[in-house]
Amino acid sequence: MKPCRSCATLSYLTPAQQVIAHRMLEKDLSQAVFDMARDYGWLAARYPTWRPTGTAAGVPDLLLVRAGEEIIFAELKNQHGKFTTAQDEWANALKGIAEGRVLYFTWRPSHLLGGAIEAVLAWEPRAGA
């Protein structure tokens, strides 16, 4: 299968990774990021709005905390996923305070496959920083 046109522009991925990115479901991306975060020592919580007991619409999918260091709010989307109005509101609010130790990311399968997510989760702040 040929990747779609927008996936084909991801030149940093191999053709096989482009196809995987195109086909990866958000729930699979969520599990992969959740597991990776835990492996790197982050506390991780997911906020599914699709469950009856879930949070309000638009709340980012993941909250990651590294004690005393950083807080990450991450919205996960499949490769072609679009933001809802509520997600845009949350993203704009969080980006407004996302300086220093509070960070906001939108992550897609291409970010996982290209190593960008792991680079963020593996990063260690310098002593005294």
N, C-alpha and C. Protein backbone atom coordinates (compact mmCIF):
# COMPACT_ATOMS: atom_id res chain seq x y z
N MET A 1 0.82 -1.18 0.00
CA MET A 1 0.00 0.00 0.00
C MET A 1 0.87 1.25 0.00
N LYS A 2 0.52 2.19 -0.84
CA LYS A 2 1.23 3.47 -0.86
C LYS A 2 0.67 4.36 0.25
N PRO A 3 1.55 5.09 0.93
CA PRO A 3 1.04 6.00 1.95
C PRO A 3 0.27 7.14 1.30
N CYS A 4 -0.60 7.76 2.05
CA CYS A 4 -1.35 8.88 1.51
C CYS A 4 -0.40 10.06 1.26
N ARG A 5 -0.88 11.04 0.58
CA ARG A 5 -0.03 12.16 0.17
C ARG A 5 0.61 12.88 1.36
N SER A 6 -0.16 13.15 2.41
CA SER A 6 0.42 13.89 3.54
C SER A 6 1.43 13.04 4.31
N CYS A 7 1.21 11.72 4.41
CA CYS A 7 2.19 10.85 5.07
C CYS A 7 3.47 10.77 4.24
N ALA A 8 3.33 10.81 2.93
CA ALA A 8 4.49 10.72 2.06
C ALA A 8 5.42 11.92 2.24
N THR A 9 4.90 13.03 2.78
CA THR A 9 5.76 14.20 2.98
C THR A 9 6.62 14.08 4.23
N LEU A 10 6.40 13.03 5.00
CA LEU A 10 7.19 12.82 6.22
C LEU A 10 8.50 12.13 5.85
N SER A 11 9.39 12.89 5.24
CA SER A 11 10.60 12.30 4.67
C SER A 11 11.54 11.70 5.72
N TYR A 12 11.39 12.07 6.98
CA TYR A 12 12.26 11.52 8.01
C TYR A 12 11.84 10.11 8.41
N LEU A 13 10.68 9.65 7.94
CA LEU A 13 10.23 8.28 8.19
C LEU A 13 10.48 7.42 6.97
N THR A 14 10.72 6.14 7.19
CA THR A 14 10.83 5.22 6.06
C THR A 14 9.45 5.05 5.44
N PRO A 15 9.37 4.54 4.21
CA PRO A 15 8.06 4.29 3.61
C PRO A 15 7.19 3.38 4.48
N ALA A 16 7.80 2.37 5.10
CA ALA A 16 7.03 1.46 5.97
C ALA A 16 6.51 2.21 7.18
N GLN A 17 7.32 3.07 7.79
CA GLN A 17 6.87 3.86 8.93
C GLN A 17 5.75 4.82 8.55
N GLN A 18 5.80 5.36 7.33
CA GLN A 18 4.75 6.24 6.86
C GLN A 18 3.41 5.50 6.79
N VAL A 19 3.44 4.28 6.32
CA VAL A 19 2.22 3.47 6.25
C VAL A 19 1.71 3.17 7.66
N ILE A 20 2.62 2.80 8.56
CA ILE A 20 2.23 2.52 9.94
C ILE A 20 1.62 3.77 10.58
N ALA A 21 2.25 4.92 10.37
CA ALA A 21 1.72 6.17 10.92
C ALA A 21 0.30 6.43 10.42
N HIS A 22 0.10 6.17 9.15
CA HIS A 22 -1.21 6.40 8.53
C HIS A 22 -2.27 5.47 9.12
N ARG A 23 -1.90 4.27 9.48
CA ARG A 23 -2.86 3.28 9.96
C ARG A 23 -3.02 3.22 11.47
N MET A 24 -2.08 3.80 12.22
CA MET A 24 -2.11 3.67 13.68
C MET A 24 -3.32 4.39 14.27
N LEU A 25 -4.03 3.70 15.13
CA LEU A 25 -5.18 4.26 15.82
C LEU A 25 -4.71 5.08 17.01
N GLU A 26 -5.52 6.06 17.40
CA GLU A 26 -5.18 6.90 18.54
C GLU A 26 -5.02 6.09 19.82
N LYS A 27 -5.86 5.06 19.99
CA LYS A 27 -5.75 4.26 21.21
C LYS A 27 -4.42 3.51 21.26
N ASP A 28 -3.90 3.08 20.11
CA ASP A 28 -2.60 2.41 20.07
C ASP A 28 -1.46 3.39 20.36
N LEU A 29 -1.58 4.60 19.83
CA LEU A 29 -0.61 5.64 20.13
C LEU A 29 -0.64 5.96 21.62
N SER A 30 -1.83 6.07 22.18
CA SER A 30 -1.98 6.36 23.61
C SER A 30 -1.30 5.32 24.47
N GLN A 31 -1.51 4.06 24.15
CA GLN A 31 -0.89 3.00 24.95
C GLN A 31 0.63 3.03 24.82
N ALA A 32 1.12 3.26 23.61
CA ALA A 32 2.57 3.29 23.40
C ALA A 32 3.21 4.45 24.17
N VAL A 33 2.60 5.63 24.13
CA VAL A 33 3.16 6.79 24.84
C VAL A 33 3.04 6.58 26.35
N PHE A 34 1.91 6.08 26.80
CA PHE A 34 1.71 5.80 28.23
C PHE A 34 2.79 4.85 28.74
N ASP A 35 3.01 3.75 28.02
CA ASP A 35 4.02 2.77 28.43
C ASP A 35 5.43 3.36 28.40
N MET A 36 5.73 4.12 27.37
CA MET A 36 7.05 4.73 27.25
C MET A 36 7.29 5.72 28.39
N ALA A 37 6.28 6.51 28.69
CA ALA A 37 6.42 7.48 29.78
C ALA A 37 6.71 6.77 31.10
N ARG A 38 5.99 5.72 31.37
CA ARG A 38 6.23 4.96 32.60
C ARG A 38 7.64 4.37 32.61
N ASP A 39 8.07 3.86 31.46
CA ASP A 39 9.43 3.30 31.37
C ASP A 39 10.50 4.33 31.69
N TYR A 40 10.25 5.60 31.34
CA TYR A 40 11.20 6.67 31.62
C TYR A 40 10.98 7.34 32.98
N GLY A 41 10.12 6.76 33.79
CA GLY A 41 9.96 7.23 35.15
C GLY A 41 8.92 8.33 35.36
N TRP A 42 8.09 8.58 34.37
CA TRP A 42 7.03 9.58 34.51
C TRP A 42 5.81 8.96 35.19
N LEU A 43 5.13 9.74 36.01
CA LEU A 43 3.79 9.36 36.46
C LEU A 43 2.87 9.69 35.29
N ALA A 44 1.96 8.80 34.96
CA ALA A 44 1.13 9.00 33.77
C ALA A 44 -0.33 8.75 34.10
N ALA A 45 -1.19 9.61 33.57
CA ALA A 45 -2.64 9.46 33.73
C ALA A 45 -3.30 9.76 32.39
N ARG A 46 -4.31 8.97 32.07
CA ARG A 46 -5.07 9.18 30.83
C ARG A 46 -6.45 9.72 31.19
N TYR A 47 -6.96 10.57 30.32
CA TYR A 47 -8.26 11.18 30.55
C TYR A 47 -9.19 10.91 29.37
N PRO A 48 -9.80 9.74 29.35
CA PRO A 48 -10.70 9.44 28.22
C PRO A 48 -12.06 10.13 28.39
N THR A 49 -12.48 10.88 27.38
CA THR A 49 -13.80 11.50 27.43
C THR A 49 -14.86 10.57 26.86
N TRP A 50 -14.44 9.48 26.26
CA TRP A 50 -15.40 8.56 25.65
C TRP A 50 -16.07 7.65 26.67
N ARG A 51 -15.52 7.58 27.89
CA ARG A 51 -16.15 6.79 28.94
C ARG A 51 -17.21 7.62 29.64
N PRO A 52 -18.28 6.98 30.14
CA PRO A 52 -19.30 7.74 30.85
C PRO A 52 -18.75 8.49 32.06
N THR A 53 -17.68 7.97 32.66
CA THR A 53 -17.07 8.62 33.82
C THR A 53 -15.88 9.48 33.43
N GLY A 54 -15.73 9.72 32.14
CA GLY A 54 -14.58 10.48 31.66
C GLY A 54 -14.67 11.95 32.02
N THR A 55 -13.67 12.70 31.59
CA THR A 55 -13.59 14.12 31.91
C THR A 55 -14.38 14.94 30.90
N ALA A 56 -14.36 16.22 31.07
CA ALA A 56 -15.03 17.14 30.15
C ALA A 56 -14.37 17.07 28.78
N ALA A 57 -15.15 17.39 27.78
CA ALA A 57 -14.65 17.37 26.40
C ALA A 57 -13.48 18.34 26.25
N GLY A 58 -12.48 17.93 25.50
CA GLY A 58 -11.35 18.79 25.19
C GLY A 58 -10.14 18.63 26.08
N VAL A 59 -10.30 18.01 27.25
CA VAL A 59 -9.17 17.81 28.16
C VAL A 59 -8.12 16.96 27.44
N PRO A 60 -6.84 17.36 27.49
CA PRO A 60 -5.80 16.57 26.82
C PRO A 60 -5.81 15.11 27.27
N ASP A 61 -5.39 14.24 26.38
CA ASP A 61 -5.45 12.80 26.60
C ASP A 61 -4.55 12.31 27.72
N LEU A 62 -3.37 12.89 27.84
CA LEU A 62 -2.40 12.41 28.83
C LEU A 62 -1.89 13.55 29.71
N LEU A 63 -1.70 13.21 30.97
CA LEU A 63 -1.01 14.08 31.92
C LEU A 63 0.20 13.29 32.38
N LEU A 64 1.38 13.85 32.17
CA LEU A 64 2.62 13.19 32.55
C LEU A 64 3.35 14.10 33.53
N VAL A 65 3.82 13.53 34.63
CA VAL A 65 4.52 14.31 35.65
C VAL A 65 5.81 13.60 36.03
N ARG A 66 6.89 14.37 36.02
CA ARG A 66 8.15 13.87 36.55
C ARG A 66 8.39 14.69 37.80
N ALA A 67 8.33 14.03 38.93
CA ALA A 67 8.32 14.69 40.24
C ALA A 67 9.37 15.79 40.35
N GLY A 68 8.89 16.98 40.66
CA GLY A 68 9.78 18.11 40.87
C GLY A 68 10.41 18.68 39.63
N GLU A 69 10.03 18.18 38.47
CA GLU A 69 10.71 18.62 37.25
C GLU A 69 9.76 19.23 36.23
N GLU A 70 8.91 18.40 35.59
CA GLU A 70 8.04 18.89 34.54
C GLU A 70 6.66 18.27 34.62
N ILE A 71 5.72 18.99 34.01
CA ILE A 71 4.38 18.48 33.78
C ILE A 71 4.13 18.60 32.28
N ILE A 72 3.68 17.52 31.67
CA ILE A 72 3.35 17.52 30.25
C ILE A 72 1.87 17.21 30.09
N PHE A 73 1.19 18.05 29.33
CA PHE A 73 -0.16 17.75 28.86
C PHE A 73 0.00 17.38 27.39
N ALA A 74 -0.50 16.22 27.01
CA ALA A 74 -0.34 15.77 25.63
C ALA A 74 -1.69 15.40 25.02
N GLU A 75 -1.98 16.02 23.91
CA GLU A 75 -3.15 15.66 23.11
C GLU A 75 -2.65 14.71 22.04
N LEU A 76 -3.29 13.55 21.94
CA LEU A 76 -2.88 12.55 20.97
C LEU A 76 -3.89 12.51 19.83
N LYS A 77 -3.39 12.43 18.63
CA LYS A 77 -4.24 12.37 17.45
C LYS A 77 -3.70 11.31 16.50
N ASN A 78 -4.60 10.66 15.77
CA ASN A 78 -4.09 9.81 14.70
C ASN A 78 -3.44 10.73 13.68
N GLN A 79 -2.80 10.17 12.69
CA GLN A 79 -1.98 10.98 11.78
C GLN A 79 -2.77 12.10 11.12
N HIS A 80 -4.06 11.91 10.92
CA HIS A 80 -4.86 12.92 10.22
C HIS A 80 -5.97 13.50 11.09
N GLY A 81 -5.89 13.24 12.41
CA GLY A 81 -6.94 13.68 13.31
C GLY A 81 -7.04 15.19 13.40
N LYS A 82 -8.26 15.66 13.51
CA LYS A 82 -8.55 17.09 13.62
C LYS A 82 -8.93 17.43 15.06
N PHE A 83 -8.66 18.65 15.46
CA PHE A 83 -9.03 19.13 16.78
C PHE A 83 -10.50 19.54 16.79
N THR A 84 -11.15 19.28 17.92
CA THR A 84 -12.50 19.80 18.13
C THR A 84 -12.36 21.22 18.69
N THR A 85 -13.44 21.94 18.73
CA THR A 85 -13.42 23.28 19.31
C THR A 85 -12.97 23.22 20.76
N ALA A 86 -13.49 22.26 21.52
CA ALA A 86 -13.11 22.13 22.93
C ALA A 86 -11.62 21.82 23.07
N GLN A 87 -11.07 20.99 22.20
CA GLN A 87 -9.64 20.68 22.25
C GLN A 87 -8.81 21.91 21.93
N ASP A 88 -9.26 22.71 20.97
CA ASP A 88 -8.57 23.95 20.64
C ASP A 88 -8.55 24.90 21.84
N GLU A 89 -9.67 24.98 22.55
CA GLU A 89 -9.74 25.85 23.73
C GLU A 89 -8.74 25.41 24.80
N TRP A 90 -8.69 24.10 25.06
CA TRP A 90 -7.73 23.58 26.05
C TRP A 90 -6.30 23.81 25.59
N ALA A 91 -6.02 23.54 24.31
CA ALA A 91 -4.66 23.72 23.79
C ALA A 91 -4.22 25.17 23.93
N ASN A 92 -5.08 26.10 23.56
CA ASN A 92 -4.72 27.52 23.65
C ASN A 92 -4.51 27.95 25.10
N ALA A 93 -5.36 27.46 26.00
CA ALA A 93 -5.21 27.80 27.42
C ALA A 93 -3.90 27.26 27.98
N LEU A 94 -3.58 26.01 27.65
CA LEU A 94 -2.36 25.41 28.18
C LEU A 94 -1.10 25.99 27.54
N LYS A 95 -1.16 26.31 26.25
CA LYS A 95 0.00 26.92 25.60
C LYS A 95 0.28 28.29 26.20
N GLY A 96 -0.75 28.94 26.70
CA GLY A 96 -0.58 30.24 27.32
C GLY A 96 0.24 30.20 28.59
N ILE A 97 0.25 29.06 29.28
CA ILE A 97 1.04 28.92 30.51
C ILE A 97 2.19 27.95 30.33
N ALA A 98 2.32 27.39 29.14
CA ALA A 98 3.31 26.34 28.90
C ALA A 98 4.71 26.92 28.73
N GLU A 99 5.24 27.43 29.81
CA GLU A 99 6.61 27.93 29.80
C GLU A 99 7.39 27.20 30.90
N GLY A 100 8.60 26.87 30.60
CA GLY A 100 9.43 26.24 31.63
C GLY A 100 9.04 24.80 31.90
N ARG A 101 8.41 24.59 33.03
CA ARG A 101 8.17 23.23 33.49
C ARG A 101 6.78 22.70 33.19
N VAL A 102 5.90 23.51 32.62
CA VAL A 102 4.59 23.04 32.19
C VAL A 102 4.60 23.08 30.67
N LEU A 103 4.47 21.91 30.05
CA LEU A 103 4.60 21.80 28.60
C LEU A 103 3.32 21.22 28.00
N TYR A 104 3.02 21.64 26.78
CA TYR A 104 1.88 21.11 26.04
C TYR A 104 2.37 20.63 24.69
N PHE A 105 1.95 19.40 24.31
CA PHE A 105 2.31 18.84 23.01
C PHE A 105 1.08 18.25 22.34
N THR A 106 1.08 18.29 21.02
CA THR A 106 0.17 17.46 20.22
C THR A 106 1.06 16.42 19.58
N TRP A 107 0.78 15.16 19.87
CA TRP A 107 1.60 14.07 19.34
C TRP A 107 0.79 13.20 18.42
N ARG A 108 1.41 12.79 17.33
CA ARG A 108 0.81 11.92 16.31
C ARG A 108 1.71 10.70 16.12
N PRO A 109 1.22 9.68 15.44
CA PRO A 109 2.06 8.50 15.22
C PRO A 109 3.43 8.82 14.61
N SER A 110 3.49 9.79 13.72
CA SER A 110 4.78 10.13 13.11
C SER A 110 5.78 10.63 14.16
N HIS A 111 5.29 11.27 15.21
CA HIS A 111 6.18 11.72 16.28
C HIS A 111 6.72 10.54 17.08
N LEU A 112 5.89 9.52 17.27
CA LEU A 112 6.33 8.31 17.95
C LEU A 112 7.35 7.57 17.10
N LEU A 113 7.02 7.34 15.85
CA LEU A 113 7.88 6.56 14.97
C LEU A 113 9.18 7.28 14.63
N GLY A 114 9.16 8.59 14.61
CA GLY A 114 10.35 9.37 14.30
C GLY A 114 11.23 9.65 15.51
N GLY A 115 10.78 9.26 16.70
CA GLY A 115 11.61 9.41 17.90
C GLY A 115 11.41 10.71 18.67
N ALA A 116 10.54 11.60 18.22
CA ALA A 116 10.36 12.88 18.89
C ALA A 116 9.77 12.73 20.29
N ILE A 117 8.83 11.82 20.45
CA ILE A 117 8.22 11.62 21.77
C ILE A 117 9.24 11.06 22.74
N GLU A 118 9.98 10.07 22.29
CA GLU A 118 10.99 9.49 23.17
C GLU A 118 12.05 10.51 23.56
N ALA A 119 12.41 11.39 22.64
CA ALA A 119 13.40 12.43 22.96
C ALA A 119 12.90 13.32 24.09
N VAL A 120 11.62 13.66 24.08
CA VAL A 120 11.06 14.49 25.15
C VAL A 120 11.03 13.72 26.47
N LEU A 121 10.56 12.49 26.42
CA LEU A 121 10.41 11.70 27.65
C LEU A 121 11.75 11.28 28.25
N ALA A 122 12.76 11.12 27.41
CA ALA A 122 14.07 10.68 27.89
C ALA A 122 14.94 11.83 28.37
N TRP A 123 14.58 13.05 28.02
CA TRP A 123 15.39 14.21 28.35
C TRP A 123 15.51 14.36 29.86
N GLU A 124 16.72 14.61 30.30
CA GLU A 124 17.00 14.83 31.73
C GLU A 124 17.47 16.27 31.91
N PRO A 125 16.82 17.03 32.78
CA PRO A 125 17.30 18.39 33.02
C PRO A 125 18.67 18.38 33.68
N ARG A 126 19.44 19.41 33.42
CA ARG A 126 20.76 19.52 34.05
C ARG A 126 20.60 19.89 35.51
N ALA A 127 21.52 19.45 36.31
CA ALA A 127 21.51 19.79 37.73
C ALA A 127 21.57 21.31 37.88
N GLY A 128 20.71 21.84 38.74
CA GLY A 128 20.68 23.29 38.98
C GLY A 128 19.94 24.07 37.93
N ALA A 129 19.39 23.40 36.90
CA ALA A 129 18.68 24.12 35.84
C ALA A 129 17.27 24.43 36.27
